[in-house]
Amino acid sequence: MKPTIEPIDKSTSLSWHFVDYHCDHTVRESHCGWHYHNEIELVVYQDPHGVVSAKTVLGDYIGDAEHNCAYLMGPGLPHMVSSTASATEDHPASSHVLWLDQCWLESLIATVPELSPISALLVRAHKGLKFSPDTGEKLHALMSDACDLKPSVQFSHVIDILLLLCEDKAAKPLTSRPYCFYVAKDSPINDKLEKAQQFIADHYHKPLGVDDMCRHLHMSESSVYRMFEKHFSESFSDHLKRYRLGKACELLMRTKTPIAVVAEKVGFSNLSNFNRQFKAMKNMTPMAFRKQFL
């Protein structure tokens, strides 16, 4: 399976990174696996002719990615996208992405107090935010082809984008709870968190208990429990369960693997328990979830 963390190209800037993705007649299906970033992610979809059928799974939220749909995701918020396109040269579609380093943003806000409203936006982003179509359209104007601009002009666009997001009173939180709060890279706990996340990514399909994590991190059981409660806002067992169910979603979306085999592949030894836990998190059965992507 793919690693949990998807690194961002920072060869052009350590503070932000713009990317455009264009869907034309040569692209029929695309899939972005279950992953997260250490950076803040903003994505806006452009599909004026309705040529793309896309599902976005963001934490425990499932929704359709439509024209002028824009999402803001905080660091550590897992997500994936699956889409089928019928685009032509006359009817294209695209998505535009901006990744932001939160440490840089926080230092910028501290230096320029007039940008303080952005702080509240960053806190809300931990549950994921969906913005109004009007904001999505304005974002497209600021983000499309921004990767080709000079860094000084990009910086101006970044500020305009953040202030625009702050002004959208129609923005709605998506997930039922925040996921992983940002931890500075030079923080002593950051190394432990990254090792814990990678350990789960490498072993989630096997029997895995908190004692295994304790041995891997050389930490006491109480310390591991406190670390997960503080930095993931949930227990170790709940975090592992959500990760496993996220991987199950990926298999249900991408493959025709029987549901009983999916359950086994992601670490559930009991099919009934898998079905029960899946329905509790997604408000639908695994079969109903799969049917959305057929």
Protein backbone atom coordinates (compact mmCIF):
# COMPACT_ATOMS: atom_id res chain seq x y z
CA MET A 1 0.00 0.00 0.00
CA LYS A 2 1.05 3.62 -0.52
CA PRO A 3 2.57 5.58 2.37
CA THR A 4 0.27 7.66 4.50
CA ILE A 5 2.02 10.97 3.94
CA GLU A 6 2.16 12.49 0.47
CA PRO A 7 5.13 14.90 0.22
CA ILE A 8 4.75 18.23 -1.57
CA ASP A 9 7.27 19.55 -4.09
CA LYS A 10 9.01 22.50 -2.45
CA SER A 11 11.69 23.08 -5.07
CA THR A 12 10.16 26.41 -6.09
CA SER A 13 9.03 27.64 -2.67
CA LEU A 14 9.24 26.39 0.90
CA SER A 15 6.12 28.36 1.86
CA TRP A 16 3.52 27.57 -0.82
CA HIS A 17 3.04 25.56 -3.99
CA PHE A 18 0.49 26.00 -6.81
CA VAL A 19 -0.46 23.18 -9.22
CA ASP A 20 -2.97 22.95 -12.09
CA TYR A 21 -4.47 19.63 -13.17
CA HIS A 22 -6.27 19.55 -16.52
CA CYS A 23 -8.71 16.85 -17.58
CA ASP A 24 -9.11 16.47 -21.36
CA HIS A 25 -10.25 13.79 -23.78
CA THR A 26 -7.14 11.70 -23.03
CA VAL A 27 -8.05 11.31 -19.32
CA ARG A 28 -10.95 8.97 -18.53
CA GLU A 29 -10.45 7.90 -14.93
CA SER A 30 -8.30 9.16 -12.10
CA HIS A 31 -7.88 8.19 -8.49
CA CYS A 32 -6.15 9.92 -5.64
CA GLY A 33 -5.58 7.37 -2.86
CA TRP A 34 -6.24 7.74 0.87
CA HIS A 35 -3.53 10.15 2.04
CA TYR A 36 -2.82 13.36 3.90
CA HIS A 37 -0.27 16.17 3.88
CA ASN A 38 1.71 17.99 6.52
CA GLU A 39 0.66 21.15 4.69
CA ILE A 40 -2.69 22.95 4.40
CA GLU A 41 -4.40 22.11 1.10
CA LEU A 42 -6.87 24.19 -0.89
CA VAL A 43 -8.45 22.70 -4.02
CA VAL A 44 -11.01 24.18 -6.41
CA TYR A 45 -12.74 22.22 -9.19
CA GLN A 46 -13.76 23.69 -12.55
CA ASP A 47 -16.27 21.65 -14.54
CA PRO A 48 -18.63 24.11 -16.33
CA HIS A 49 -19.96 21.45 -18.73
CA GLY A 50 -20.47 18.69 -16.15
CA VAL A 51 -18.09 16.27 -17.84
CA VAL A 52 -16.58 14.83 -14.63
CA SER A 53 -18.27 12.58 -12.11
CA ALA A 54 -16.14 12.83 -8.96
CA LYS A 55 -16.51 11.69 -5.37
CA THR A 56 -14.49 13.28 -2.59
CA VAL A 57 -13.93 11.44 0.69
CA LEU A 58 -12.58 13.76 3.34
CA GLY A 59 -12.25 12.31 6.83
CA ASP A 60 -15.73 10.90 7.51
CA TYR A 61 -17.36 13.15 4.88
CA ILE A 62 -18.40 11.95 1.40
CA GLY A 63 -19.54 14.36 -1.29
CA ASP A 64 -19.61 15.22 -4.97
CA ALA A 65 -16.94 17.49 -6.43
CA GLU A 66 -18.87 19.84 -8.72
CA HIS A 67 -18.21 23.00 -10.71
CA ASN A 68 -16.73 25.78 -8.53
CA CYS A 69 -16.53 23.41 -5.56
CA ALA A 70 -13.69 24.38 -3.20
CA TYR A 71 -12.30 22.53 -0.17
CA LEU A 72 -9.79 23.63 2.47
CA MET A 73 -8.08 20.86 4.44
CA GLY A 74 -5.88 21.26 7.49
CA PRO A 75 -2.66 19.29 8.04
CA GLY A 76 -3.23 15.61 8.76
CA LEU A 77 -6.80 15.48 7.41
CA PRO A 78 -7.01 12.29 5.28
CA HIS A 79 -8.76 12.49 1.93
CA MET A 80 -9.08 10.90 -1.49
CA VAL A 81 -10.82 11.56 -4.82
CA SER A 82 -12.14 9.18 -7.45
CA SER A 83 -13.39 10.52 -10.79
CA THR A 84 -14.60 9.46 -14.21
CA ALA A 85 -14.45 11.98 -17.05
CA SER A 86 -16.08 12.40 -20.44
CA ALA A 87 -14.14 15.54 -21.27
CA THR A 88 -13.46 16.72 -24.83
CA GLU A 89 -11.28 19.45 -26.27
CA ASP A 90 -14.35 21.70 -26.36
CA HIS A 91 -15.53 20.66 -22.91
CA PRO A 92 -12.52 20.38 -20.58
CA ALA A 93 -12.39 20.30 -16.80
CA SER A 94 -9.66 21.15 -14.30
CA SER A 95 -8.69 21.36 -10.67
CA HIS A 96 -6.36 23.87 -9.08
CA VAL A 97 -4.46 23.22 -5.86
CA LEU A 98 -2.56 25.37 -3.39
CA TRP A 99 -0.49 23.87 -0.58
CA LEU A 100 0.61 26.11 2.29
CA ASP A 101 3.18 25.60 5.03
CA GLN A 102 1.39 26.33 8.30
CA CYS A 103 4.55 27.29 10.18
CA TRP A 104 5.25 29.98 7.58
CA LEU A 105 1.65 31.19 7.74
CA GLU A 106 1.72 31.46 11.52
CA SER A 107 4.94 33.47 11.42
CA LEU A 108 3.42 35.73 8.75
CA ILE A 109 0.30 36.34 10.84
CA ALA A 110 2.45 37.11 13.89
CA THR A 111 4.39 39.68 11.84
CA VAL A 112 1.34 41.27 10.20
CA PRO A 113 -1.50 41.61 12.76
CA GLU A 114 -3.91 42.68 10.02
CA LEU A 115 -3.88 39.06 8.85
CA SER A 116 -5.12 37.75 12.23
CA PRO A 117 -8.53 36.63 10.82
CA ILE A 118 -6.63 33.87 8.99
CA SER A 119 -5.85 32.22 12.35
CA ALA A 120 -9.50 31.36 12.92
CA LEU A 121 -9.71 30.01 9.37
CA LEU A 122 -6.79 27.66 10.02
CA VAL A 123 -8.45 26.29 13.17
CA ARG A 124 -11.68 25.62 11.26
CA ALA A 125 -9.71 23.88 8.48
CA HIS A 126 -8.91 20.99 10.84
CA LYS A 127 -12.44 19.72 10.22
CA GLY A 128 -12.30 20.54 6.51
CA LEU A 129 -14.24 23.43 4.95
CA LYS A 130 -16.39 23.60 1.83
CA PHE A 131 -16.90 27.04 0.31
CA SER A 132 -19.69 28.60 -1.70
CA PRO A 133 -19.71 28.35 -5.53
CA ASP A 134 -19.24 32.13 -5.70
CA THR A 135 -16.01 31.82 -3.71
CA GLY A 136 -15.00 28.85 -5.86
CA GLU A 137 -15.33 30.97 -9.00
CA LYS A 138 -13.21 33.76 -7.50
CA LEU A 139 -10.63 31.22 -6.34
CA HIS A 140 -10.36 29.84 -9.86
CA ALA A 141 -9.48 33.31 -11.16
CA LEU A 142 -6.71 33.61 -8.57
CA MET A 143 -5.36 30.04 -8.78
CA SER A 144 -5.55 29.13 -12.47
CA ASP A 145 -2.06 29.36 -14.01
CA ALA A 146 -0.70 30.85 -10.77
CA CYS A 147 2.13 28.32 -10.93
CA ASP A 148 3.51 30.24 -13.94
CA LEU A 149 3.68 33.57 -12.13
CA LYS A 150 6.71 35.15 -10.49
CA PRO A 151 7.06 34.33 -6.77
CA SER A 152 6.33 37.94 -5.77
CA VAL A 153 3.03 37.84 -7.69
CA GLN A 154 2.22 34.39 -6.30
CA PHE A 155 2.65 35.78 -2.80
CA SER A 156 0.08 38.47 -3.56
CA HIS A 157 -2.33 35.80 -4.81
CA VAL A 158 -1.80 33.70 -1.67
CA ILE A 159 -2.81 36.62 0.56
CA ASP A 160 -5.82 37.48 -1.61
CA ILE A 161 -6.91 33.81 -1.53
CA LEU A 162 -6.68 33.54 2.25
CA LEU A 163 -8.59 36.77 2.84
CA LEU A 164 -11.24 35.66 0.35
CA LEU A 165 -11.70 32.41 2.28
CA CYS A 166 -12.06 34.35 5.53
CA GLU A 167 -14.88 36.42 4.03
CA ASP A 168 -17.03 33.46 2.96
CA LYS A 169 -19.75 33.26 5.63
CA ALA A 170 -21.31 30.30 3.81
CA ALA A 171 -18.26 28.05 4.38
CA LYS A 172 -19.31 24.82 6.09
CA PRO A 173 -17.28 22.35 8.19
CA LEU A 174 -17.34 18.82 6.78
CA THR A 175 -16.04 16.24 9.23
CA SER A 176 -17.58 15.36 12.56
CA ARG A 177 -14.34 16.04 14.42
CA PRO A 178 -10.88 17.52 13.84
CA TYR A 179 -8.15 15.08 12.84
CA CYS A 180 -4.46 15.91 13.43
CA PHE A 181 -3.51 19.36 14.66
CA TYR A 182 -0.37 20.92 13.23
CA VAL A 183 2.87 20.23 15.06
CA ALA A 184 5.98 22.30 14.27
CA LYS A 185 8.70 20.28 12.55
CA ASP A 186 11.26 21.22 15.20
CA SER A 187 8.97 20.08 18.04
CA PRO A 188 10.34 17.09 20.02
CA ILE A 189 7.02 15.24 19.61
CA ASN A 190 6.97 15.58 15.80
CA ASP A 191 9.36 12.66 15.28
CA LYS A 192 7.23 10.43 17.52
CA LEU A 193 4.05 11.38 15.65
CA GLU A 194 5.58 10.65 12.26
CA LYS A 195 6.92 7.30 13.48
CA ALA A 196 3.53 6.41 14.95
CA GLN A 197 1.71 7.26 11.71
CA GLN A 198 4.18 5.32 9.58
CA PHE A 199 4.00 2.32 11.92
CA ILE A 200 0.23 2.21 11.49
CA ALA A 201 0.63 2.60 7.71
CA ASP A 202 3.03 -0.37 7.63
CA HIS A 203 1.15 -2.70 9.98
CA TYR A 204 -2.58 -1.77 9.95
CA HIS A 205 -3.46 -5.01 8.07
CA LYS A 206 -2.08 -7.13 10.93
CA PRO A 207 -3.22 -7.54 14.55
CA LEU A 208 -1.98 -4.31 16.15
CA GLY A 209 -2.30 -3.17 19.73
CA VAL A 210 -1.15 -0.24 21.79
CA ASP A 211 1.60 -2.43 23.29
CA ASP A 212 3.10 -2.82 19.80
CA MET A 213 3.13 0.94 19.41
CA CYS A 214 4.72 1.35 22.85
CA ARG A 215 7.59 -0.96 21.91
CA HIS A 216 8.07 0.78 18.56
CA LEU A 217 8.19 4.27 20.07
CA HIS A 218 9.93 3.26 23.33
CA MET A 219 7.14 4.97 25.26
CA SER A 220 4.93 3.91 28.12
CA GLU A 221 1.32 2.99 27.49
CA SER A 222 0.03 6.08 29.30
CA SER A 223 2.35 8.32 27.23
CA VAL A 224 1.11 6.81 23.97
CA TYR A 225 -2.51 7.27 25.05
CA ARG A 226 -1.85 10.93 25.97
CA MET A 227 -0.03 11.57 22.67
CA PHE A 228 -2.95 10.30 20.59
CA GLU A 229 -5.57 12.12 22.65
CA LYS A 230 -3.66 15.41 22.46
CA HIS A 231 -2.50 15.41 18.85
CA PHE A 232 -5.23 13.37 17.11
CA SER A 233 -8.13 14.19 19.44
CA GLU A 234 -8.94 10.47 19.70
CA SER A 235 -7.67 7.29 21.27
CA PHE A 236 -5.10 5.01 19.65
CA SER A 237 -7.77 2.38 18.93
CA ASP A 238 -10.12 4.92 17.32
CA HIS A 239 -7.28 6.32 15.20
CA LEU A 240 -6.30 2.83 14.02
CA LYS A 241 -9.93 1.99 13.25
CA ARG A 242 -10.37 5.15 11.17
CA TYR A 243 -7.18 4.44 9.26
CA ARG A 244 -8.27 0.88 8.51
CA LEU A 245 -11.71 2.02 7.36
CA GLY A 246 -10.08 4.65 5.17
CA LYS A 247 -8.04 1.93 3.48
CA ALA A 248 -11.21 -0.11 3.12
CA CYS A 249 -12.83 2.83 1.32
CA GLU A 250 -9.89 2.96 -1.07
CA LEU A 251 -10.25 -0.75 -1.91
CA LEU A 252 -14.02 -0.47 -2.28
CA MET A 253 -13.57 2.45 -4.67
CA ARG A 254 -10.73 1.04 -6.75
CA THR A 255 -11.32 -2.71 -6.87
CA LYS A 256 -14.02 -5.37 -7.10
CA THR A 257 -12.50 -7.31 -4.20
CA PRO A 258 -15.24 -9.08 -2.20
CA ILE A 259 -16.19 -7.16 0.92
CA ALA A 260 -15.17 -10.02 3.21
CA VAL A 261 -11.70 -9.97 1.65
CA VAL A 262 -11.53 -6.17 1.95
CA ALA A 263 -12.29 -6.49 5.66
CA GLU A 264 -9.51 -9.03 6.09
CA LYS A 265 -7.02 -6.98 4.05
CA VAL A 266 -7.45 -3.93 6.30
CA GLY A 267 -7.12 -5.79 9.58
CA PHE A 268 -10.67 -6.80 10.57
CA SER A 269 -10.87 -10.47 11.51
CA ASN A 270 -14.66 -10.35 11.92
CA LEU A 271 -16.85 -9.35 8.95
CA SER A 272 -19.84 -8.40 11.11
CA ASN A 273 -17.66 -6.06 13.16
CA PHE A 274 -16.26 -4.54 9.97
CA ASN A 275 -19.75 -3.90 8.58
CA ARG A 276 -20.89 -2.41 11.87
CA GLN A 277 -17.86 -0.12 12.24
CA PHE A 278 -18.03 0.96 8.60
CA LYS A 279 -21.70 1.90 8.84
CA ALA A 280 -21.09 3.81 12.07
CA MET A 281 -18.41 5.94 10.40
CA LYS A 282 -19.90 6.39 6.89
CA ASN A 283 -23.61 6.14 7.68
CA MET A 284 -23.92 3.44 4.99
CA THR A 285 -22.91 -0.15 4.42
CA PRO A 286 -19.72 -1.06 2.52
CA MET A 287 -21.88 -2.25 -0.39
CA ALA A 288 -23.78 1.05 -0.54
CA PHE A 289 -20.49 2.94 -0.42
CA ARG A 290 -19.09 0.91 -3.33
CA LYS A 291 -22.20 1.49 -5.45
CA GLN A 292 -21.51 5.23 -5.42
CA PHE A 293 -18.38 4.63 -7.50
CA LEU A 294 -19.67 2.07 -10.00
